[in-house]
Amino acid sequence: MCIRIAEADGLQKIAVWDPDEVTILVARNTHPHDLIRELHAFLAVDLGAPDMPGAGLHCFCGEPVELPMMLTSAAQRPAH
């Protein structure tokens, strides 16, 4: 089963691992750079996913991890 990413309100951290749902919950409105750094740490360091620089985020099974549409649209917005 591949890892999922889901937005959540009221988190105390940028990202939180939910092993029951095999989901990483991410705080809504987190800056995209901070979010990617936290997700990489969870996936590669904590969960043993392959670390493939420049290839995006990957599950521990090797499959790409999809970001929710709200997160991908936020990552594409220009910084102010």
C-alpha atoms as a PDB file:
ATOM      1  CA  MET A   1       0.000   0.000   0.000  1.00  0.00           C
ATOM      2  CA  CYS A   2       1.422   3.369  -1.004  1.00  0.00           C
ATOM      3  CA  ILE A   3       1.631   6.363   1.260  1.00  0.00           C
ATOM      4  CA  ARG A   4      -0.901   9.147   0.802  1.00  0.00           C
ATOM      5  CA  ILE A   5      -0.558  12.856   1.581  1.00  0.00           C
ATOM      6  CA  ALA A   6      -3.559  14.734   3.000  1.00  0.00           C
ATOM      7  CA  GLU A   7      -4.075  18.288   4.222  1.00  0.00           C
ATOM      8  CA  ALA A   8      -5.307  18.872   7.755  1.00  0.00           C
ATOM      9  CA  ASP A   9      -6.132  21.811   9.977  1.00  0.00           C
ATOM     10  CA  GLY A  10      -4.859  22.303  13.518  1.00  0.00           C
ATOM     11  CA  LEU A  11      -1.614  20.291  13.323  1.00  0.00           C
ATOM     12  CA  GLN A  12       1.144  21.213  15.759  1.00  0.00           C
ATOM     13  CA  LYS A  13       3.815  20.384  13.137  1.00  0.00           C
ATOM     14  CA  ILE A  14       4.175  20.799   9.377  1.00  0.00           C
ATOM     15  CA  ALA A  15       3.727  17.062   8.803  1.00  0.00           C
ATOM     16  CA  VAL A  16       2.557  14.144  10.941  1.00  0.00           C
ATOM     17  CA  TRP A  17       2.729  10.421  10.105  1.00  0.00           C
ATOM     18  CA  ASP A  18      -0.525   8.492  10.606  1.00  0.00           C
ATOM     19  CA  PRO A  19       0.447   4.796  10.447  1.00  0.00           C
ATOM     20  CA  ASP A  20      -3.156   3.592  10.770  1.00  0.00           C
ATOM     21  CA  GLU A  21      -4.168   5.356   7.560  1.00  0.00           C
ATOM     22  CA  VAL A  22      -0.726   5.083   5.867  1.00  0.00           C
ATOM     23  CA  THR A  23      -0.978   8.824   5.407  1.00  0.00           C
ATOM     24  CA  ILE A  24       1.218  11.821   6.079  1.00  0.00           C
ATOM     25  CA  LEU A  25      -0.998  14.667   7.267  1.00  0.00           C
ATOM     26  CA  VAL A  26       0.323  18.101   6.343  1.00  0.00           C
ATOM     27  CA  ALA A  27      -0.652  21.442   7.812  1.00  0.00           C
ATOM     28  CA  ARG A  28      -2.774  23.498   5.456  1.00  0.00           C
ATOM     29  CA  ASN A  29      -1.103  26.716   4.180  1.00  0.00           C
ATOM     30  CA  THR A  30       2.466  25.501   4.820  1.00  0.00           C
ATOM     31  CA  HIS A  31       5.063  27.108   2.556  1.00  0.00           C
ATOM     32  CA  PRO A  32       5.805  24.633  -0.277  1.00  0.00           C
ATOM     33  CA  HIS A  33       9.572  24.573   0.350  1.00  0.00           C
ATOM     34  CA  ASP A  34       9.087  23.714   4.022  1.00  0.00           C
ATOM     35  CA  LEU A  35       6.498  21.114   3.113  1.00  0.00           C
ATOM     36  CA  ILE A  36       8.705  19.325   0.584  1.00  0.00           C
ATOM     37  CA  ARG A  37      11.607  19.296   3.069  1.00  0.00           C
ATOM     38  CA  GLU A  38       9.381  17.754   5.775  1.00  0.00           C
ATOM     39  CA  LEU A  39       7.857  15.208   3.403  1.00  0.00           C
ATOM     40  CA  HIS A  40      11.302  14.173   2.167  1.00  0.00           C
ATOM     41  CA  ALA A  41      12.440  13.667   5.770  1.00  0.00           C
ATOM     42  CA  PHE A  42       9.429  11.489   6.554  1.00  0.00           C
ATOM     43  CA  LEU A  43       9.672   9.433   3.392  1.00  0.00           C
ATOM     44  CA  ALA A  44      13.421   8.953   2.984  1.00  0.00           C
ATOM     45  CA  VAL A  45      14.718   9.175   6.534  1.00  0.00           C
ATOM     46  CA  ASP A  46      11.886   7.886   8.725  1.00  0.00           C
ATOM     47  CA  LEU A  47      10.196   5.429   6.345  1.00  0.00           C
ATOM     48  CA  GLY A  48      13.153   4.269   4.240  1.00  0.00           C
ATOM     49  CA  ALA A  49      11.841   5.416   0.859  1.00  0.00           C
ATOM     50  CA  PRO A  50      14.394   5.691  -1.950  1.00  0.00           C
ATOM     51  CA  ASP A  51      16.172   9.045  -1.980  1.00  0.00           C
ATOM     52  CA  MET A  52      16.304  10.074  -5.632  1.00  0.00           C
ATOM     53  CA  PRO A  53      17.395  13.739  -5.811  1.00  0.00           C
ATOM     54  CA  GLY A  54      15.531  15.664  -8.482  1.00  0.00           C
ATOM     55  CA  ALA A  55      13.053  12.829  -9.071  1.00  0.00           C
ATOM     56  CA  GLY A  56      10.322  14.003  -6.696  1.00  0.00           C
ATOM     57  CA  LEU A  57       8.947  12.229  -3.646  1.00  0.00           C
ATOM     58  CA  HIS A  58       8.656   8.436  -3.572  1.00  0.00           C
ATOM     59  CA  CYS A  59       6.946   5.858  -1.364  1.00  0.00           C
ATOM     60  CA  PHE A  60       9.001   3.146   0.320  1.00  0.00           C
ATOM     61  CA  CYS A  61       7.744   0.821  -2.464  1.00  0.00           C
ATOM     62  CA  GLY A  62       9.384   3.100  -5.047  1.00  0.00           C
ATOM     63  CA  GLU A  63       6.170   4.544  -6.524  1.00  0.00           C
ATOM     64  CA  PRO A  64       5.864   8.348  -6.821  1.00  0.00           C
ATOM     65  CA  VAL A  65       3.896  10.035  -4.027  1.00  0.00           C
ATOM     66  CA  GLU A  66       1.135  12.309  -5.275  1.00  0.00           C
ATOM     67  CA  LEU A  67       0.522  15.625  -3.536  1.00  0.00           C
ATOM     68  CA  PRO A  68      -3.095  16.750  -3.108  1.00  0.00           C
ATOM     69  CA  MET A  69      -4.211  19.258  -5.758  1.00  0.00           C
ATOM     70  CA  MET A  70      -4.402  22.074  -3.182  1.00  0.00           C
ATOM     71  CA  LEU A  71      -0.724  21.537  -2.375  1.00  0.00           C
ATOM     72  CA  THR A  72       0.435  21.340  -5.967  1.00  0.00           C
ATOM     73  CA  SER A  73      -1.417  24.521  -6.917  1.00  0.00           C
ATOM     74  CA  ALA A  74       0.136  26.293  -3.888  1.00  0.00           C
ATOM     75  CA  ALA A  75       3.597  25.107  -4.944  1.00  0.00           C
ATOM     76  CA  GLN A  76       3.101  26.619  -8.402  1.00  0.00           C
ATOM     77  CA  ARG A  77       2.021  30.045  -7.139  1.00  0.00           C
ATOM     78  CA  PRO A  78       4.700  32.758  -7.340  1.00  0.00           C
ATOM     79  CA  ALA A  79       6.281  33.808  -4.034  1.00  0.00           C
ATOM     80  CA  HIS A  80       5.458  37.307  -2.762  1.00  0.00           C
END
